[in-house]
Amino acid sequence: MAANDANDAVLARQRGISRWVETMREVAALRSAALRTVDTAAALKALSGAFRLAKSTQGTRLDSGLVEQQRWFSRAHDRPA
C-alpha cells in the first residue's frame, strides 16, 4: 500500500511538472507574440514620465556601477568556502 502511495505521489509531481513546462511554453509564445506587436514609440512615451521622475529623484551617477560590482565579486571570491 505504501509503495502505491509513493508511486502516486511521484506520478502526481511529474504531472504537475509537465503542466508547468507546458504552461511556460505557452507563456513564452504569448510573450513573443506580444513583443512582436508592441508599439515601441507608445511604450517609450508611456514610460517617459517614470523615467523623468527617477532621473530627477536619483540624480546623475558619476560611474556605471561596474567598479562596485567588481568589488562585490572580489569580496565573494576572497571569502573561504
PDB file of N, CA and C in Angstrom:
ATOM      1  N   MET A   1       0.816  -1.196   0.000  1.00  0.00           N
ATOM      2  CA  MET A   1       0.000   0.000   0.000  1.00  0.00           C
ATOM      3  C   MET A   1       0.860   1.261   0.000  1.00  0.00           C
ATOM      4  N   ALA A   2       1.902   1.282   0.835  1.00  0.00           N
ATOM      5  CA  ALA A   2       2.777   2.454   0.911  1.00  0.00           C
ATOM      6  C   ALA A   2       3.507   2.684  -0.404  1.00  0.00           C
ATOM      7  N   ALA A   3       3.887   1.603  -1.087  1.00  0.00           N
ATOM      8  CA  ALA A   3       4.578   1.738  -2.369  1.00  0.00           C
ATOM      9  C   ALA A   3       3.667   2.387  -3.400  1.00  0.00           C
ATOM     10  N   ASN A   4       2.400   2.007  -3.393  1.00  0.00           N
ATOM     11  CA  ASN A   4       1.444   2.620  -4.324  1.00  0.00           C
ATOM     12  C   ASN A   4       1.269   4.100  -4.035  1.00  0.00           C
ATOM     13  N   ASP A   5       1.196   4.458  -2.750  1.00  0.00           N
ATOM     14  CA  ASP A   5       1.069   5.865  -2.373  1.00  0.00           C
ATOM     15  C   ASP A   5       2.289   6.657  -2.830  1.00  0.00           C
ATOM     16  N   ALA A   6       3.471   6.076  -2.653  1.00  0.00           N
ATOM     17  CA  ALA A   6       4.701   6.752  -3.076  1.00  0.00           C
ATOM     18  C   ALA A   6       4.720   6.913  -4.587  1.00  0.00           C
ATOM     19  N   ASN A   7       4.325   5.857  -5.306  1.00  0.00           N
ATOM     20  CA  ASN A   7       4.277   5.943  -6.768  1.00  0.00           C
ATOM     21  C   ASN A   7       3.264   6.981  -7.221  1.00  0.00           C
ATOM     22  N   ASP A   8       2.112   7.010  -6.574  1.00  0.00           N
ATOM     23  CA  ASP A   8       1.098   8.006  -6.913  1.00  0.00           C
ATOM     24  C   ASP A   8       1.625   9.421  -6.685  1.00  0.00           C
ATOM     25  N   ALA A   9       2.356   9.604  -5.599  1.00  0.00           N
ATOM     26  CA  ALA A   9       2.913  10.924  -5.292  1.00  0.00           C
ATOM     27  C   ALA A   9       3.934  11.333  -6.349  1.00  0.00           C
ATOM     28  N   VAL A  10       4.764  10.393  -6.756  1.00  0.00           N
ATOM     29  CA  VAL A  10       5.769  10.680  -7.792  1.00  0.00           C
ATOM     30  C   VAL A  10       5.073  11.014  -9.098  1.00  0.00           C
ATOM     31  N   LEU A  11       4.074  10.235  -9.464  1.00  0.00           N
ATOM     32  CA  LEU A  11       3.340  10.496 -10.708  1.00  0.00           C
ATOM     33  C   LEU A  11       2.624  11.844 -10.661  1.00  0.00           C
ATOM     34  N   ALA A  12       2.064  12.181  -9.514  1.00  0.00           N
ATOM     35  CA  ALA A  12       1.390  13.476  -9.369  1.00  0.00           C
ATOM     36  C   ALA A  12       2.384  14.620  -9.529  1.00  0.00           C
ATOM     37  N   ARG A  13       3.578  14.476  -8.941  1.00  0.00           N
ATOM     38  CA  ARG A  13       4.621  15.501  -9.105  1.00  0.00           C
ATOM     39  C   ARG A  13       5.037  15.625 -10.560  1.00  0.00           C
ATOM     40  N   GLN A  14       5.204  14.490 -11.227  1.00  0.00           N
ATOM     41  CA  GLN A  14       5.607  14.515 -12.633  1.00  0.00           C
ATOM     42  C   GLN A  14       4.543  15.186 -13.497  1.00  0.00           C
ATOM     43  N   ARG A  15       3.271  14.900 -13.219  1.00  0.00           N
ATOM     44  CA  ARG A  15       2.191  15.549 -13.970  1.00  0.00           C
ATOM     45  C   ARG A  15       2.200  17.048 -13.711  1.00  0.00           C
ATOM     46  N   GLY A  16       2.423  17.423 -12.448  1.00  0.00           N
ATOM     47  CA  GLY A  16       2.483  18.847 -12.112  1.00  0.00           C
ATOM     48  C   GLY A  16       3.626  19.545 -12.827  1.00  0.00           C
ATOM     49  N   ILE A  17       4.775  18.910 -12.862  1.00  0.00           N
ATOM     50  CA  ILE A  17       5.933  19.481 -13.556  1.00  0.00           C
ATOM     51  C   ILE A  17       5.653  19.599 -15.044  1.00  0.00           C
ATOM     52  N   SER A  18       5.040  18.553 -15.606  1.00  0.00           N
ATOM     53  CA  SER A  18       4.704  18.589 -17.036  1.00  0.00           C
ATOM     54  C   SER A  18       3.745  19.734 -17.341  1.00  0.00           C
ATOM     55  N   ARG A  19       2.769  19.965 -16.452  1.00  0.00           N
ATOM     56  CA  ARG A  19       1.838  21.082 -16.658  1.00  0.00           C
ATOM     57  C   ARG A  19       2.571  22.412 -16.605  1.00  0.00           C
ATOM     58  N   TRP A  20       3.509  22.547 -15.656  1.00  0.00           N
ATOM     59  CA  TRP A  20       4.272  23.793 -15.568  1.00  0.00           C
ATOM     60  C   TRP A  20       5.113  24.010 -16.821  1.00  0.00           C
ATOM     61  N   VAL A  21       5.744  22.964 -17.315  1.00  0.00           N
ATOM     62  CA  VAL A  21       6.563  23.089 -18.525  1.00  0.00           C
ATOM     63  C   VAL A  21       5.697  23.543 -19.687  1.00  0.00           C
ATOM     64  N   GLU A  22       4.543  22.930 -19.856  1.00  0.00           N
ATOM     65  CA  GLU A  22       3.642  23.306 -20.945  1.00  0.00           C
ATOM     66  C   GLU A  22       3.139  24.738 -20.769  1.00  0.00           C
ATOM     67  N   THR A  23       2.804  25.094 -19.540  1.00  0.00           N
ATOM     68  CA  THR A  23       2.344  26.459 -19.268  1.00  0.00           C
ATOM     69  C   THR A  23       3.430  27.472 -19.606  1.00  0.00           C
ATOM     70  N   MET A  24       4.666  27.170 -19.234  1.00  0.00           N
ATOM     71  CA  MET A  24       5.766  28.100 -19.517  1.00  0.00           C
ATOM     72  C   MET A  24       5.984  28.239 -21.025  1.00  0.00           C
ATOM     73  N   ARG A  25       5.803  27.142 -21.763  1.00  0.00           N
ATOM     74  CA  ARG A  25       5.902  27.231 -23.233  1.00  0.00           C
ATOM     75  C   ARG A  25       4.823  28.156 -23.784  1.00  0.00           C
ATOM     76  N   GLU A  26       3.611  28.010 -23.267  1.00  0.00           N
ATOM     77  CA  GLU A  26       2.515  28.860 -23.723  1.00  0.00           C
ATOM     78  C   GLU A  26       2.749  30.320 -23.357  1.00  0.00           C
ATOM     79  N   VAL A  27       3.243  30.560 -22.150  1.00  0.00           N
ATOM     80  CA  VAL A  27       3.538  31.932 -21.718  1.00  0.00           C
ATOM     81  C   VAL A  27       4.634  32.528 -22.607  1.00  0.00           C
ATOM     82  N   ALA A  28       5.650  31.748 -22.919  1.00  0.00           N
ATOM     83  CA  ALA A  28       6.724  32.237 -23.792  1.00  0.00           C
ATOM     84  C   ALA A  28       6.181  32.584 -25.173  1.00  0.00           C
ATOM     85  N   ALA A  29       5.275  31.769 -25.695  1.00  0.00           N
ATOM     86  CA  ALA A  29       4.688  32.052 -27.004  1.00  0.00           C
ATOM     87  C   ALA A  29       3.856  33.332 -26.953  1.00  0.00           C
ATOM     88  N   LEU A  30       3.081  33.516 -25.878  1.00  0.00           N
ATOM     89  CA  LEU A  30       2.287  34.738 -25.727  1.00  0.00           C
ATOM     90  C   LEU A  30       3.183  35.961 -25.613  1.00  0.00           C
ATOM     91  N   ARG A  31       4.245  35.836 -24.835  1.00  0.00           N
ATOM     92  CA  ARG A  31       5.178  36.949 -24.654  1.00  0.00           C
ATOM     93  C   ARG A  31       5.844  37.310 -25.976  1.00  0.00           C
ATOM     94  N   SER A  32       6.251  36.294 -26.711  1.00  0.00           N
ATOM     95  CA  SER A  32       6.884  36.528 -28.007  1.00  0.00           C
ATOM     96  C   SER A  32       5.932  37.242 -28.959  1.00  0.00           C
ATOM     97  N   ALA A  33       4.678  36.799 -28.988  1.00  0.00           N
ATOM     98  CA  ALA A  33       3.683  37.441 -29.851  1.00  0.00           C
ATOM     99  C   ALA A  33       3.455  38.882 -29.425  1.00  0.00           C
ATOM    100  N   ALA A  34       3.385  39.125 -28.126  1.00  0.00           N
ATOM    101  CA  ALA A  34       3.175  40.482 -27.633  1.00  0.00           C
ATOM    102  C   ALA A  34       4.349  41.383 -27.992  1.00  0.00           C
ATOM    103  N   LEU A  35       5.559  40.858 -27.896  1.00  0.00           N
ATOM    104  CA  LEU A  35       6.739  41.661 -28.225  1.00  0.00           C
ATOM    105  C   LEU A  35       6.793  41.988 -29.717  1.00  0.00           C
ATOM    106  N   ARG A  36       6.301  41.077 -30.548  1.00  0.00           N
ATOM    107  CA  ARG A  36       6.303  41.336 -31.997  1.00  0.00           C
ATOM    108  C   ARG A  36       5.328  42.446 -32.369  1.00  0.00           C
ATOM    109  N   THR A  37       4.285  42.635 -31.566  1.00  0.00           N
ATOM    110  CA  THR A  37       3.260  43.611 -31.914  1.00  0.00           C
ATOM    111  C   THR A  37       3.316  44.891 -31.092  1.00  0.00           C
ATOM    112  N   VAL A  38       4.289  45.007 -30.210  1.00  0.00           N
ATOM    113  CA  VAL A  38       4.349  46.179 -29.337  1.00  0.00           C
ATOM    114  C   VAL A  38       4.663  47.436 -30.156  1.00  0.00           C
ATOM    115  N   ASP A  39       4.046  48.515 -29.762  1.00  0.00           N
ATOM    116  CA  ASP A  39       4.305  49.819 -30.369  1.00  0.00           C
ATOM    117  C   ASP A  39       5.395  50.484 -29.522  1.00  0.00           C
ATOM    118  N   THR A  40       6.628  50.413 -30.004  1.00  0.00           N
ATOM    119  CA  THR A  40       7.770  50.892 -29.232  1.00  0.00           C
ATOM    120  C   THR A  40       7.642  52.374 -28.899  1.00  0.00           C
ATOM    121  N   ALA A  41       7.217  53.164 -29.855  1.00  0.00           N
ATOM    122  CA  ALA A  41       7.083  54.606 -29.611  1.00  0.00           C
ATOM    123  C   ALA A  41       6.058  54.874 -28.507  1.00  0.00           C
ATOM    124  N   ALA A  42       4.942  54.166 -28.529  1.00  0.00           N
ATOM    125  CA  ALA A  42       3.916  54.359 -27.497  1.00  0.00           C
ATOM    126  C   ALA A  42       4.431  53.901 -26.137  1.00  0.00           C
ATOM    127  N   ALA A  43       5.179  52.805 -26.117  1.00  0.00           N
ATOM    128  CA  ALA A  43       5.731  52.308 -24.853  1.00  0.00           C
ATOM    129  C   ALA A  43       6.721  53.316 -24.273  1.00  0.00           C
ATOM    130  N   LEU A  44       7.583  53.857 -25.112  1.00  0.00           N
ATOM    131  CA  LEU A  44       8.547  54.860 -24.638  1.00  0.00           C
ATOM    132  C   LEU A  44       7.833  56.107 -24.123  1.00  0.00           C
ATOM    133  N   LYS A  45       6.802  56.519 -24.835  1.00  0.00           N
ATOM    134  CA  LYS A  45       6.036  57.682 -24.403  1.00  0.00           C
ATOM    135  C   LYS A  45       5.364  57.418 -23.058  1.00  0.00           C
ATOM    136  N   ALA A  46       4.824  56.211 -22.881  1.00  0.00           N
ATOM    137  CA  ALA A  46       4.156  55.859 -21.629  1.00  0.00           C
ATOM    138  C   ALA A  46       5.133  55.815 -20.460  1.00  0.00           C
ATOM    139  N   LEU A  47       6.373  55.433 -20.720  1.00  0.00           N
ATOM    140  CA  LEU A  47       7.369  55.314 -19.659  1.00  0.00           C
ATOM    141  C   LEU A  47       8.181  56.589 -19.429  1.00  0.00           C
ATOM    142  N   SER A  48       8.036  57.564 -20.290  1.00  0.00           N
ATOM    143  CA  SER A  48       8.893  58.750 -20.193  1.00  0.00           C
ATOM    144  C   SER A  48       8.698  59.510 -18.886  1.00  0.00           C
ATOM    145  N   GLY A  49       7.479  59.578 -18.392  1.00  0.00           N
ATOM    146  CA  GLY A  49       7.236  60.261 -17.119  1.00  0.00           C
ATOM    147  C   GLY A  49       7.934  59.568 -15.963  1.00  0.00           C
ATOM    148  N   ALA A  50       7.862  58.252 -15.937  1.00  0.00           N
ATOM    149  CA  ALA A  50       8.530  57.488 -14.879  1.00  0.00           C
ATOM    150  C   ALA A  50      10.043  57.667 -14.973  1.00  0.00           C
ATOM    151  N   PHE A  51      10.561  57.687 -16.191  1.00  0.00           N
ATOM    152  CA  PHE A  51      11.996  57.885 -16.374  1.00  0.00           C
ATOM    153  C   PHE A  51      12.420  59.269 -15.882  1.00  0.00           C
ATOM    154  N   ARG A  52      11.663  60.285 -16.243  1.00  0.00           N
ATOM    155  CA  ARG A  52      11.999  61.647 -15.797  1.00  0.00           C
ATOM    156  C   ARG A  52      11.942  61.758 -14.278  1.00  0.00           C
ATOM    157  N   LEU A  53      10.937  61.129 -13.659  1.00  0.00           N
ATOM    158  CA  LEU A  53      10.822  61.161 -12.208  1.00  0.00           C
ATOM    159  C   LEU A  53      12.013  60.471 -11.549  1.00  0.00           C
ATOM    160  N   ALA A  54      12.372  59.293 -12.045  1.00  0.00           N
ATOM    161  CA  ALA A  54      13.514  58.566 -11.478  1.00  0.00           C
ATOM    162  C   ALA A  54      14.791  59.368 -11.638  1.00  0.00           C
ATOM    163  N   LYS A  55      14.961  59.972 -12.795  1.00  0.00           N
ATOM    164  CA  LYS A  55      16.167  60.761 -13.047  1.00  0.00           C
ATOM    165  C   LYS A  55      16.236  61.977 -12.126  1.00  0.00           C
ATOM    166  N   SER A  56      15.111  62.603 -11.885  1.00  0.00           N
ATOM    167  CA  SER A  56      15.115  63.805 -11.042  1.00  0.00           C
ATOM    168  C   SER A  56      15.297  63.471  -9.565  1.00  0.00           C
ATOM    169  N   THR A  57      14.839  62.313  -9.130  1.00  0.00           N
ATOM    170  CA  THR A  57      14.962  61.967  -7.717  1.00  0.00           C
ATOM    171  C   THR A  57      16.251  61.222  -7.400  1.00  0.00           C
ATOM    172  N   GLN A  58      16.854  60.587  -8.375  1.00  0.00           N
ATOM    173  CA  GLN A  58      18.061  59.806  -8.136  1.00  0.00           C
ATOM    174  C   GLN A  58      19.333  60.570  -8.458  1.00  0.00           C
ATOM    175  N   GLY A  59      19.237  61.614  -9.212  1.00  0.00           N
ATOM    176  CA  GLY A  59      20.430  62.357  -9.582  1.00  0.00           C
ATOM    177  C   GLY A  59      21.233  61.611 -10.641  1.00  0.00           C
ATOM    178  N   THR A  60      22.362  62.175 -10.981  1.00  0.00           N
ATOM    179  CA  THR A  60      23.213  61.596 -12.006  1.00  0.00           C
ATOM    180  C   THR A  60      24.364  60.846 -11.354  1.00  0.00           C
ATOM    181  N   ARG A  61      24.584  59.638 -11.778  1.00  0.00           N
ATOM    182  CA  ARG A  61      25.715  58.848 -11.268  1.00  0.00           C
ATOM    183  C   ARG A  61      26.980  59.235 -12.019  1.00  0.00           C
ATOM    184  N   LEU A  62      28.077  59.211 -11.312  1.00  0.00           N
ATOM    185  CA  LEU A  62      29.350  59.518 -11.947  1.00  0.00           C
ATOM    186  C   LEU A  62      30.034  58.261 -12.467  1.00  0.00           C
ATOM    187  N   ASP A  63      29.474  57.094 -12.121  1.00  0.00           N
ATOM    188  CA  ASP A  63      30.037  55.843 -12.614  1.00  0.00           C
ATOM    189  C   ASP A  63      28.896  54.929 -13.044  1.00  0.00           C
ATOM    190  N   SER A  64      29.256  53.810 -13.647  1.00  0.00           N
ATOM    191  CA  SER A  64      28.230  52.892 -14.141  1.00  0.00           C
ATOM    192  C   SER A  64      27.829  51.847 -13.110  1.00  0.00           C
ATOM    193  N   GLY A  65      28.574  51.767 -12.023  1.00  0.00           N
ATOM    194  CA  GLY A  65      28.321  50.736 -11.032  1.00  0.00           C
ATOM    195  C   GLY A  65      29.198  49.514 -11.235  1.00  0.00           C
ATOM    196  N   LEU A  66      29.933  49.472 -12.342  1.00  0.00           N
ATOM    197  CA  LEU A  66      30.775  48.325 -12.644  1.00  0.00           C
ATOM    198  C   LEU A  66      31.865  48.148 -11.586  1.00  0.00           C
ATOM    199  N   VAL A  67      32.460  49.248 -11.137  1.00  0.00           N
ATOM    200  CA  VAL A  67      33.520  49.159 -10.131  1.00  0.00           C
ATOM    201  C   VAL A  67      32.958  48.552  -8.844  1.00  0.00           C
ATOM    202  N   GLU A  68      31.782  49.003  -8.439  1.00  0.00           N
ATOM    203  CA  GLU A  68      31.146  48.457  -7.237  1.00  0.00           C
ATOM    204  C   GLU A  68      30.824  46.973  -7.418  1.00  0.00           C
ATOM    205  N   GLN A  69      30.345  46.604  -8.587  1.00  0.00           N
ATOM    206  CA  GLN A  69      30.050  45.196  -8.860  1.00  0.00           C
ATOM    207  C   GLN A  69      31.321  44.352  -8.761  1.00  0.00           C
ATOM    208  N   GLN A  70      32.403  44.835  -9.326  1.00  0.00           N
ATOM    209  CA  GLN A  70      33.663  44.104  -9.269  1.00  0.00           C
ATOM    210  C   GLN A  70      34.156  43.980  -7.825  1.00  0.00           C
ATOM    211  N   ARG A  71      33.944  45.009  -7.019  1.00  0.00           N
ATOM    212  CA  ARG A  71      34.323  44.961  -5.609  1.00  0.00           C
ATOM    213  C   ARG A  71      33.544  43.847  -4.902  1.00  0.00           C
ATOM    214  N   TRP A  72      32.257  43.743  -5.166  1.00  0.00           N
ATOM    215  CA  TRP A  72      31.448  42.679  -4.568  1.00  0.00           C
ATOM    216  C   TRP A  72      31.918  41.300  -5.018  1.00  0.00           C
ATOM    217  N   PHE A  73      32.202  41.159  -6.309  1.00  0.00           N
ATOM    218  CA  PHE A  73      32.703  39.868  -6.818  1.00  0.00           C
ATOM    219  C   PHE A  73      34.021  39.493  -6.150  1.00  0.00           C
ATOM    220  N   SER A  74      34.896  40.486  -5.979  1.00  0.00           N
ATOM    221  CA  SER A  74      36.190  40.226  -5.346  1.00  0.00           C
ATOM    222  C   SER A  74      36.011  39.766  -3.903  1.00  0.00           C
ATOM    223  N   ARG A  75      35.116  40.440  -3.183  1.00  0.00           N
ATOM    224  CA  ARG A  75      34.846  40.042  -1.804  1.00  0.00           C
ATOM    225  C   ARG A  75      34.312  38.618  -1.730  1.00  0.00           C
ATOM    226  N   ALA A  76      33.414  38.286  -2.628  1.00  0.00           N
ATOM    227  CA  ALA A  76      32.837  36.937  -2.641  1.00  0.00           C
ATOM    228  C   ALA A  76      33.892  35.904  -2.990  1.00  0.00           C
ATOM    229  N   HIS A  77      34.795  36.248  -3.902  1.00  0.00           N
ATOM    230  CA  HIS A  77      35.833  35.317  -4.326  1.00  0.00           C
ATOM    231  C   HIS A  77      36.842  35.072  -3.212  1.00  0.00           C
ATOM    232  N   ASP A  78      37.158  36.128  -2.457  1.00  0.00           N
ATOM    233  CA  ASP A  78      38.166  36.013  -1.397  1.00  0.00           C
ATOM    234  C   ASP A  78      37.637  35.304  -0.161  1.00  0.00           C
ATOM    235  N   ARG A  79      36.338  35.194  -0.042  1.00  0.00           N
ATOM    236  CA  ARG A  79      35.722  34.561   1.131  1.00  0.00           C
ATOM    237  C   ARG A  79      35.951  33.045   1.074  1.00  0.00           C
ATOM    238  N   PRO A  80      36.372  32.447   2.192  1.00  0.00           N
ATOM    239  CA  PRO A  80      36.572  30.981   2.186  1.00  0.00           C
ATOM    240  C   PRO A  80      35.227  30.260   2.022  1.00  0.00           C
ATOM    241  N   ALA A  81      35.272  29.156   1.323  1.00  0.00           N
ATOM    242  CA  ALA A  81      34.037  28.399   1.046  1.00  0.00           C
ATOM    243  C   ALA A  81      33.618  27.570   2.219  1.00  0.00           C
TER     244      ALA A  81
END
